[in-house]
Amino acid sequence: MLKFLFSILVGLGLVSNPFTVGNVVNNTPALFETSLASAMGTSDTSLTLVSGTLRDGTSLTGNICLTIDSGLTNTEYVCGTASSTSVTGLTRGIGSDGFTSYAALKFTHRYGADVKVTDFPALQQLSQYVNGAYGLPNPIQYATSVTTSSISNNQYLASKGYVDSVAFSGAPNGSLTQKGIYQEATKAQTVAGTAVGSTGADLVVPNSYFSNTPSATATVPVTDSDGTLPTGFVKQTASSSYNFLGNMNFASTTNSGTSTIQNAKINNNLVVSGNATLSGVNSGNFPNLISASTTNVTNNGTNETNIFSVSIPGGTLLTGNVIKAETTLEYVTRFTSVSNFILRLKYGSTNIATSTISLTSANQKPAGKLFVELFSAGTTSSQEANMFYLFPETTPTSTITWNSRLVGTSAEDSTTAKNLTLSMEVSGANDVVTAYNWYVAKLIQ
């Protein structure tokens, strides 16, 4: 209610806001007395003194309160800023609390009116400050000679330095079960997984390190609004290697087209529906098809004919890897009684193995399977090959089986692409041999 009435009085101009005076502690120089150098009206906010010199010869300066016409019915207390004989920014008609300005306490004063520094209102203002009626206008401080680092009396005012020194001294380090002090981790500590900081407190990762956008500096990945992690957080270079243990499912709703998996190690079964291209260092228990054909290849006459000539990509024959090929052959037509059936296996420019089957009867027409295995023999520039065939044939007089295992070597640089070639040739001018279907694959072990 008092605040409401006070606000009405301020609005009517009968009183002024007390805080216009209470923003400083005013000076009170001793035994200063002079007079007005000119008359004052009730609305004046400045005055001029006849003298502005104190007893010690210095000039009147700073914030000061004065009593005009002391002891008379128009006695008035004013406060302002002094600079020698000039006092400006006056608060007029100060009341009994030392702060509030009242219109009824503002008077006119004649030229030569007595002006002096008295205990009021300065002492009253100090009383109000000390009693907590008004807040102190400026921070208080101890003299530099006072030691505040070890204040022991509970009733003493604590300095900022003392508060800073003891703010955390009694607080425990935080943990999963205890609230307390933690230390922010640096990016290097975040990357290294450092648990405890230099202060002995557990480290926490600042929120600024979290992002859903990959960056060159250490970033803690955050999923997008759909709950998925942006692909930029996963290395996608050819040198990246990842191990997947257990089942890994690729749903058709999220993966389309042809997937390329490089440097993948698979410990269990991998089921691929659709197309998959595997390159790099691979391991598992399944073949990686390089090339295949269902087109029949026929040799007519004595010319050498390639059954296949397939480029083996560079890096395919790394240490321990194997290339496998297979086809079905049939000696379809014989026109000569004696003929040679020749098979050649080449890798790069090296003829690794040659097999010659001598046919001594026009009735002999071998047919069967031919298998090729090309191994990396310890280094990328050393290979060993097996060529094996099994050709059973039943003649009118007996059963004959042609089979052989040929072993050959090469020293080709397998880090660059080289062709693996299997060819056939017959010596009979009109003889016909057909290769039915073939494939070349890499065995992933």
Protein backbone atom coordinates (compact mmCIF):
# COMPACT_ATOMS: atom_id res chain seq x y z
CA MET A 1 0.00 0.00 0.00
CA LEU A 2 2.84 2.39 0.90
CA LYS A 3 4.54 1.67 -2.41
CA PHE A 4 1.28 2.42 -4.21
CA LEU A 5 0.83 5.75 -2.39
CA PHE A 6 4.48 6.62 -3.01
CA SER A 7 4.07 5.98 -6.74
CA ILE A 8 1.05 8.34 -6.77
CA LEU A 9 3.08 11.07 -5.05
CA VAL A 10 5.89 10.63 -7.56
CA GLY A 11 3.36 10.88 -10.40
CA LEU A 12 1.94 14.12 -8.97
CA GLY A 13 5.43 15.60 -8.66
CA LEU A 14 5.11 15.94 -4.90
CA VAL A 15 8.07 13.66 -4.27
CA SER A 16 10.96 12.43 -6.42
CA ASN A 17 12.46 8.93 -6.80
CA PRO A 18 14.90 8.54 -3.89
CA PHE A 19 17.41 6.63 -6.01
CA THR A 20 18.39 9.79 -7.92
CA VAL A 21 20.36 10.68 -4.80
CA GLY A 22 21.24 7.17 -3.67
CA ASN A 23 23.55 6.24 -6.50
CA VAL A 24 26.64 7.58 -4.72
CA VAL A 25 28.04 8.12 -1.23
CA ASN A 26 28.43 11.89 -0.87
CA ASN A 27 31.52 13.71 0.41
CA THR A 28 31.37 15.66 3.69
CA PRO A 29 34.33 18.10 3.87
CA ALA A 30 34.77 19.63 7.32
CA LEU A 31 33.86 23.21 8.28
CA PHE A 32 32.93 24.37 4.82
CA GLU A 33 30.70 27.40 4.76
CA THR A 34 30.07 30.07 2.09
CA SER A 35 27.13 31.83 0.47
CA LEU A 36 25.17 31.90 -2.77
CA ALA A 37 26.63 34.04 -5.51
CA SER A 38 23.14 34.39 -7.05
CA ALA A 39 19.53 33.82 -6.05
CA MET A 40 17.81 30.43 -6.57
CA GLY A 41 14.26 29.58 -7.57
CA THR A 42 12.41 26.41 -6.56
CA SER A 43 13.00 24.75 -9.97
CA ASP A 44 16.72 25.49 -10.35
CA THR A 45 18.94 22.41 -10.63
CA SER A 46 22.30 24.19 -10.19
CA LEU A 47 23.80 26.90 -7.98
CA THR A 48 26.89 29.10 -7.83
CA LEU A 49 28.89 29.65 -4.65
CA VAL A 50 30.87 32.69 -3.65
CA SER A 51 33.79 30.38 -2.69
CA GLY A 52 34.67 26.83 -3.66
CA THR A 53 37.89 26.46 -1.66
CA LEU A 54 38.20 24.19 1.37
CA ARG A 55 40.29 24.91 4.50
CA ASP A 56 43.25 22.95 3.15
CA GLY A 57 43.29 25.03 -0.01
CA THR A 58 41.84 22.38 -2.29
CA SER A 59 38.75 22.96 -4.41
CA LEU A 60 35.32 21.62 -3.69
CA THR A 61 34.79 18.64 -6.00
CA GLY A 62 32.73 15.51 -6.46
CA ASN A 63 29.40 14.50 -4.96
CA ILE A 64 28.37 16.64 -2.04
CA CYS A 65 25.31 17.60 0.02
CA LEU A 66 24.74 21.21 1.18
CA THR A 67 22.43 23.01 3.62
CA ILE A 68 21.04 26.38 2.38
CA ASP A 69 19.65 28.98 4.82
CA SER A 70 20.40 26.79 7.85
CA GLY A 71 18.22 27.59 10.89
CA LEU A 72 15.59 29.51 8.91
CA THR A 73 12.08 28.50 7.92
CA ASN A 74 13.25 27.99 4.32
CA THR A 75 16.12 25.68 5.27
CA GLU A 76 16.71 23.30 2.33
CA TYR A 77 18.95 20.28 1.89
CA VAL A 78 20.35 19.69 -1.60
CA CYS A 79 22.86 17.25 -3.16
CA GLY A 80 24.77 17.62 -6.41
CA THR A 81 28.13 17.46 -8.15
CA ALA A 82 30.60 20.19 -7.23
CA SER A 83 33.42 21.66 -9.27
CA SER A 84 34.86 24.58 -7.29
CA THR A 85 32.07 27.23 -7.07
CA SER A 86 29.68 25.41 -9.42
CA VAL A 87 27.31 22.70 -8.15
CA THR A 88 25.17 20.99 -10.82
CA GLY A 89 22.72 18.11 -11.11
CA LEU A 90 21.00 19.14 -7.89
CA THR A 91 18.46 17.03 -6.06
CA ARG A 92 16.33 19.58 -4.22
CA GLY A 93 14.16 19.43 -1.07
CA ILE A 94 15.63 16.26 0.45
CA GLY A 95 13.44 14.76 3.18
CA SER A 96 14.21 13.08 6.46
CA ASP A 97 15.31 9.76 4.93
CA GLY A 98 18.22 11.53 3.24
CA PHE A 99 17.15 10.46 -0.25
CA THR A 100 13.62 11.44 -1.20
CA SER A 101 12.98 14.83 -2.80
CA TYR A 102 9.79 16.64 -1.77
CA ALA A 103 8.28 19.58 -3.65
CA ALA A 104 7.15 21.15 -0.34
CA LEU A 105 10.77 21.28 0.85
CA LYS A 106 12.03 23.25 -2.17
CA PHE A 107 12.39 26.96 -1.46
CA THR A 108 13.63 30.16 -3.07
CA HIS A 109 16.86 31.56 -1.73
CA ARG A 110 18.23 35.09 -1.98
CA TYR A 111 21.60 36.19 -3.17
CA GLY A 112 24.08 35.81 -0.27
CA ALA A 113 22.09 33.05 1.43
CA ASP A 114 24.20 30.96 3.82
CA VAL A 115 25.51 27.65 2.38
CA LYS A 116 27.36 25.02 4.43
CA VAL A 117 28.20 21.31 4.63
CA THR A 118 26.35 19.67 7.54
CA ASP A 119 26.07 16.10 8.85
CA PHE A 120 22.61 15.72 7.31
CA PRO A 121 21.75 14.34 4.82
CA ALA A 122 25.12 12.55 4.35
CA LEU A 123 24.99 10.70 7.69
CA GLN A 124 21.37 9.75 7.15
CA GLN A 125 22.23 8.31 3.78
CA LEU A 126 25.03 6.24 5.31
CA SER A 127 22.61 5.06 8.00
CA GLN A 128 20.15 3.95 5.35
CA TYR A 129 22.88 2.07 3.46
CA VAL A 130 24.19 0.32 6.57
CA ASN A 131 20.69 -0.61 7.78
CA GLY A 132 19.88 -2.11 4.39
CA ALA A 133 17.15 0.34 3.43
CA TYR A 134 18.99 0.96 0.17
CA GLY A 135 21.61 -1.01 -1.67
CA LEU A 136 25.20 0.21 -1.61
CA PRO A 137 25.85 2.30 -4.73
CA ASN A 138 29.27 0.75 -5.39
CA PRO A 139 31.05 -2.54 -4.62
CA ILE A 140 32.78 -2.52 -1.25
CA GLN A 141 36.34 -3.78 -0.92
CA TYR A 142 39.02 -4.55 1.61
CA ALA A 143 42.28 -2.64 1.69
CA THR A 144 45.08 -4.46 -0.08
CA SER A 145 46.81 -4.89 3.27
CA VAL A 146 43.96 -7.08 4.54
CA THR A 147 44.45 -10.83 3.98
CA THR A 148 41.19 -12.36 2.76
CA SER A 149 42.44 -15.71 1.48
CA SER A 150 41.71 -17.46 4.78
CA ILE A 151 38.70 -15.74 6.35
CA SER A 152 37.68 -17.75 9.40
CA ASN A 153 35.01 -15.67 11.16
CA ASN A 154 31.60 -16.65 9.84
CA GLN A 155 30.35 -13.07 10.31
CA TYR A 156 32.99 -11.48 8.07
CA LEU A 157 32.15 -10.44 4.54
CA ALA A 158 33.80 -12.79 2.05
CA SER A 159 35.88 -11.24 -0.74
CA LYS A 160 35.54 -12.36 -4.36
CA GLY A 161 39.02 -13.85 -4.20
CA TYR A 162 38.12 -15.91 -1.16
CA VAL A 163 34.86 -17.13 -2.74
CA ASP A 164 36.69 -18.12 -5.93
CA SER A 165 39.27 -20.05 -3.94
CA VAL A 166 36.75 -22.12 -1.97
CA ALA A 167 33.88 -22.40 -4.47
CA PHE A 168 34.82 -25.97 -5.44
CA SER A 169 37.02 -26.98 -2.53
CA GLY A 170 34.32 -28.98 -0.76
CA ALA A 171 32.51 -30.35 -3.81
CA PRO A 172 33.12 -34.01 -4.77
CA ASN A 173 33.97 -35.24 -8.24
CA GLY A 174 30.88 -36.37 -10.10
CA SER A 175 30.15 -39.99 -10.99
CA LEU A 176 27.28 -42.21 -12.08
CA THR A 177 25.92 -42.12 -8.53
CA GLN A 178 27.20 -38.75 -7.27
CA LYS A 179 26.52 -35.25 -8.54
CA GLY A 180 29.64 -33.13 -8.47
CA ILE A 181 32.50 -31.67 -10.47
CA TYR A 182 33.42 -32.73 -14.03
CA GLN A 183 36.07 -31.45 -16.42
CA GLU A 184 35.51 -30.75 -20.12
CA ALA A 185 37.50 -32.97 -22.46
CA THR A 186 39.59 -31.64 -25.31
CA LYS A 187 39.07 -33.07 -28.80
CA ALA A 188 42.32 -34.99 -28.48
CA GLN A 189 41.12 -36.52 -25.19
CA THR A 190 37.76 -37.33 -26.80
CA VAL A 191 39.46 -39.16 -29.68
CA ALA A 192 41.81 -41.01 -27.29
CA GLY A 193 38.96 -41.98 -24.95
CA THR A 194 40.72 -40.39 -21.93
CA ALA A 195 38.59 -40.97 -18.82
CA VAL A 196 40.06 -38.59 -16.22
CA GLY A 197 41.30 -35.02 -16.72
CA SER A 198 44.19 -33.09 -15.23
CA THR A 199 42.08 -32.05 -12.21
CA GLY A 200 41.31 -35.65 -11.29
CA ALA A 201 37.65 -35.25 -12.30
CA ASP A 202 35.96 -37.41 -14.92
CA LEU A 203 35.96 -35.91 -18.41
CA VAL A 204 32.77 -35.00 -20.24
CA VAL A 205 32.44 -34.21 -23.95
CA PRO A 206 31.25 -30.65 -24.69
CA ASN A 207 28.06 -30.36 -26.73
CA SER A 208 29.97 -28.44 -29.42
CA TYR A 209 31.79 -31.68 -30.37
CA PHE A 210 28.51 -33.37 -31.35
CA SER A 211 27.27 -32.99 -34.92
CA ASN A 212 25.37 -34.78 -37.67
CA THR A 213 27.76 -33.26 -40.21
CA PRO A 214 31.17 -34.93 -40.67
CA SER A 215 34.20 -32.63 -40.40
CA ALA A 216 37.95 -32.90 -40.70
CA THR A 217 38.33 -32.49 -36.92
CA ALA A 218 37.15 -34.89 -34.25
CA THR A 219 33.34 -35.01 -34.16
CA VAL A 220 30.97 -37.21 -32.16
CA PRO A 221 28.41 -38.51 -34.72
CA VAL A 222 24.74 -37.67 -34.17
CA THR A 223 21.94 -39.30 -36.15
CA ASP A 224 19.64 -37.30 -38.40
CA SER A 225 15.99 -36.77 -37.46
CA ASP A 226 15.13 -40.11 -39.08
CA GLY A 227 17.44 -41.93 -36.67
CA THR A 228 20.08 -42.83 -39.26
CA LEU A 229 23.74 -41.86 -39.34
CA PRO A 230 24.95 -39.82 -42.35
CA THR A 231 27.19 -41.91 -44.63
CA GLY A 232 30.01 -39.35 -44.45
CA PHE A 233 30.94 -40.66 -40.99
CA VAL A 234 32.09 -44.00 -42.49
CA LYS A 235 35.30 -44.21 -44.52
CA GLN A 236 34.53 -45.13 -48.09
CA THR A 237 38.03 -45.25 -49.54
CA ALA A 238 39.51 -48.31 -51.21
CA SER A 239 41.90 -48.80 -48.28
CA SER A 240 39.10 -48.96 -45.69
CA SER A 241 38.63 -52.40 -44.12
CA TYR A 242 35.66 -53.54 -42.00
CA ASN A 243 34.88 -56.79 -40.19
CA PHE A 244 31.23 -57.85 -39.90
CA LEU A 245 30.53 -60.63 -37.38
CA GLY A 246 27.17 -62.35 -37.49
CA ASN A 247 24.35 -61.49 -39.88
CA MET A 248 24.34 -58.41 -42.08
CA ASN A 249 21.09 -57.77 -43.95
CA PHE A 250 20.64 -55.38 -46.88
CA ALA A 251 16.96 -54.64 -47.39
CA SER A 252 15.79 -54.00 -50.94
CA THR A 253 13.84 -50.98 -49.70
CA THR A 254 17.03 -49.17 -48.76
CA ASN A 255 19.56 -50.62 -51.24
CA SER A 256 19.10 -50.65 -54.98
CA GLY A 257 21.29 -51.19 -58.00
CA THR A 258 24.67 -52.87 -57.76
CA SER A 259 26.53 -52.87 -54.44
CA THR A 260 30.33 -52.86 -54.36
CA ILE A 261 32.02 -54.27 -51.25
CA GLN A 262 35.76 -53.74 -50.96
CA ASN A 263 38.03 -55.39 -48.39
CA ALA A 264 35.19 -57.27 -46.66
CA LYS A 265 35.82 -60.15 -44.27
CA ILE A 266 32.84 -62.46 -43.82
CA ASN A 267 33.04 -65.21 -41.19
CA ASN A 268 29.69 -66.85 -41.84
CA ASN A 269 27.41 -67.25 -44.86
CA LEU A 270 26.75 -64.38 -47.26
CA VAL A 271 23.58 -64.49 -49.32
CA VAL A 272 23.43 -62.05 -52.21
CA SER A 273 20.21 -61.46 -54.13
CA GLY A 274 20.93 -59.50 -57.29
CA ASN A 275 24.27 -58.19 -58.43
CA ALA A 276 27.33 -57.77 -56.21
CA THR A 277 30.85 -56.85 -57.25
CA LEU A 278 33.58 -57.77 -54.78
CA SER A 279 37.06 -56.34 -55.26
CA GLY A 280 40.19 -55.98 -53.16
CA VAL A 281 41.29 -58.42 -50.45
CA ASN A 282 38.33 -60.72 -49.77
CA SER A 283 37.89 -63.81 -47.63
CA GLY A 284 35.15 -66.35 -47.11
CA ASN A 285 34.02 -69.68 -48.60
CA PHE A 286 32.50 -68.77 -51.97
CA PRO A 287 33.69 -67.99 -55.51
CA ASN A 288 33.72 -64.50 -56.92
CA LEU A 289 32.74 -64.78 -60.56
CA ILE A 290 35.03 -62.85 -62.91
CA SER A 291 33.54 -63.89 -66.26
CA ALA A 292 31.37 -66.59 -67.83
CA SER A 293 29.74 -67.48 -71.12
CA THR A 294 27.07 -69.88 -72.38
CA THR A 295 28.14 -69.37 -76.00
CA ASN A 296 29.62 -72.51 -77.56
CA VAL A 297 33.13 -72.15 -79.01
CA THR A 298 33.96 -74.41 -81.99
CA ASN A 299 37.33 -75.18 -83.53
CA ASN A 300 37.26 -76.16 -87.20
CA GLY A 301 40.51 -77.25 -88.70
CA THR A 302 44.03 -76.73 -87.55
CA ASN A 303 43.84 -73.12 -86.31
CA GLU A 304 44.34 -72.38 -82.60
CA THR A 305 41.04 -71.12 -81.14
CA ASN A 306 40.57 -69.42 -77.76
CA ILE A 307 37.95 -71.03 -75.58
CA PHE A 308 38.22 -67.90 -73.39
CA SER A 309 40.63 -65.04 -72.82
CA VAL A 310 39.61 -63.19 -69.66
CA SER A 311 41.29 -60.16 -68.09
CA ILE A 312 42.21 -60.82 -64.45
CA PRO A 313 42.14 -57.44 -62.67
CA GLY A 314 45.34 -56.20 -61.07
CA GLY A 315 45.59 -57.16 -57.40
CA THR A 316 43.30 -60.19 -57.80
CA LEU A 317 46.11 -62.73 -57.39
CA LEU A 318 47.38 -61.49 -54.07
CA THR A 319 49.17 -63.93 -51.77
CA GLY A 320 47.02 -67.00 -51.14
CA ASN A 321 44.37 -66.25 -53.78
CA VAL A 322 43.29 -68.67 -56.52
CA ILE A 323 41.68 -68.29 -59.95
CA LYS A 324 39.53 -71.20 -61.09
CA ALA A 325 38.15 -71.93 -64.58
CA GLU A 326 36.05 -74.77 -65.98
CA THR A 327 34.56 -75.83 -69.33
CA THR A 328 33.08 -78.89 -71.06
CA LEU A 329 34.73 -80.14 -74.27
CA GLU A 330 33.53 -82.54 -76.94
CA TYR A 331 35.42 -83.85 -79.98
CA VAL A 332 32.42 -83.69 -82.29
CA THR A 333 33.77 -84.81 -85.69
CA ARG A 334 36.74 -86.95 -86.77
CA PHE A 335 37.82 -87.11 -90.41
CA THR A 336 41.35 -88.37 -89.95
CA SER A 337 42.48 -91.63 -88.41
CA VAL A 338 45.37 -90.00 -86.53
CA SER A 339 45.04 -86.57 -84.91
CA ASN A 340 46.43 -84.55 -82.04
CA PHE A 341 44.13 -82.59 -79.71
CA ILE A 342 46.16 -79.74 -78.15
CA LEU A 343 45.16 -77.61 -75.10
CA ARG A 344 47.16 -74.52 -74.02
CA LEU A 345 46.93 -72.41 -70.84
CA LYS A 346 48.46 -68.91 -70.77
CA TYR A 347 48.69 -66.16 -68.16
CA GLY A 348 49.85 -62.81 -69.50
CA SER A 349 52.56 -63.54 -72.05
CA THR A 350 53.55 -66.84 -70.41
CA ASN A 351 52.48 -70.20 -71.83
CA ILE A 352 52.08 -72.04 -68.52
CA ALA A 353 50.94 -75.49 -69.67
CA THR A 354 50.38 -77.40 -72.93
CA SER A 355 48.66 -80.80 -73.20
CA THR A 356 48.64 -82.92 -76.34
CA ILE A 357 46.18 -85.84 -76.59
CA SER A 358 47.13 -88.26 -79.35
CA LEU A 359 44.14 -89.85 -81.05
CA THR A 360 45.09 -92.99 -83.00
CA SER A 361 41.67 -94.14 -84.21
CA ALA A 362 38.92 -92.37 -86.10
CA ASN A 363 36.50 -93.74 -83.54
CA GLN A 364 38.17 -91.90 -80.66
CA LYS A 365 36.20 -88.74 -79.86
CA PRO A 366 36.95 -87.63 -76.28
CA ALA A 367 34.45 -85.54 -74.32
CA GLY A 368 34.43 -84.38 -70.71
CA LYS A 369 35.41 -81.68 -68.21
CA LEU A 370 38.51 -79.50 -68.12
CA PHE A 371 39.56 -77.69 -64.95
CA VAL A 372 42.10 -74.88 -64.50
CA GLU A 373 43.53 -73.52 -61.22
CA LEU A 374 45.91 -70.56 -61.13
CA PHE A 375 47.55 -69.91 -57.73
CA SER A 376 49.52 -67.02 -56.31
CA ALA A 377 52.77 -68.72 -55.35
CA GLY A 378 53.83 -66.61 -52.38
CA THR A 379 54.32 -63.23 -54.09
CA THR A 380 52.51 -61.02 -56.59
CA SER A 381 55.08 -61.92 -59.27
CA SER A 382 55.00 -65.70 -58.90
CA GLN A 383 52.20 -68.01 -60.06
CA GLU A 384 51.61 -71.76 -60.36
CA ALA A 385 48.89 -73.41 -62.43
CA ASN A 386 47.17 -76.81 -62.60
CA MET A 387 45.32 -77.95 -65.72
CA PHE A 388 43.39 -81.16 -65.31
CA TYR A 389 41.02 -82.91 -67.68
CA LEU A 390 39.00 -86.08 -67.60
CA PHE A 391 37.78 -87.36 -71.00
CA PRO A 392 36.15 -90.81 -70.88
CA GLU A 393 35.39 -92.36 -74.28
CA THR A 394 33.86 -95.72 -75.25
CA THR A 395 34.93 -97.14 -78.60
CA PRO A 396 33.45 -100.15 -80.33
CA THR A 397 36.24 -102.29 -78.95
CA SER A 398 37.20 -100.82 -75.58
CA THR A 399 36.71 -98.06 -72.97
CA ILE A 400 39.42 -95.36 -72.95
CA THR A 401 39.84 -92.55 -70.44
CA TRP A 402 42.13 -89.61 -71.12
CA ASN A 403 43.11 -87.75 -68.00
CA SER A 404 46.06 -85.67 -67.08
CA ARG A 405 47.25 -83.06 -64.53
CA LEU A 406 49.70 -80.56 -65.87
CA VAL A 407 51.59 -78.12 -63.64
CA GLY A 408 53.24 -74.95 -64.87
CA THR A 409 54.58 -71.69 -63.48
CA SER A 410 54.80 -68.03 -64.49
CA ALA A 411 56.44 -64.89 -63.16
CA GLU A 412 53.95 -62.26 -64.27
CA ASP A 413 53.29 -59.05 -62.30
CA SER A 414 49.78 -59.72 -61.01
CA THR A 415 49.37 -56.20 -59.61
CA THR A 416 48.39 -55.14 -63.13
CA ALA A 417 45.66 -56.69 -65.28
CA LYS A 418 46.70 -59.82 -67.21
CA ASN A 419 44.68 -62.13 -69.48
CA LEU A 420 44.08 -65.78 -68.55
CA THR A 421 43.68 -67.68 -71.84
CA LEU A 422 42.66 -71.27 -72.59
CA SER A 423 42.92 -72.36 -76.26
CA MET A 424 42.40 -75.55 -78.28
CA GLU A 425 43.78 -76.85 -81.54
CA VAL A 426 43.49 -80.06 -83.61
CA SER A 427 45.85 -81.39 -86.26
CA GLY A 428 43.08 -82.92 -88.34
CA ALA A 429 42.18 -80.44 -91.06
CA ASN A 430 38.46 -81.13 -90.93
CA ASP A 431 38.06 -82.24 -87.34
CA VAL A 432 35.58 -80.28 -85.15
CA VAL A 433 35.86 -79.69 -81.37
CA THR A 434 33.28 -77.69 -79.36
CA ALA A 435 33.59 -76.11 -75.91
CA TYR A 436 30.23 -75.87 -74.15
CA ASN A 437 29.95 -73.02 -71.60
CA TRP A 438 32.79 -71.80 -69.41
CA TYR A 439 33.43 -69.62 -66.37
CA VAL A 440 36.40 -67.94 -64.67
CA ALA A 441 36.12 -67.14 -60.96
CA LYS A 442 38.24 -66.09 -58.03
CA LEU A 443 38.20 -68.43 -55.04
CA ILE A 444 37.88 -66.43 -51.82
CA GLN A 445 39.41 -68.36 -48.97
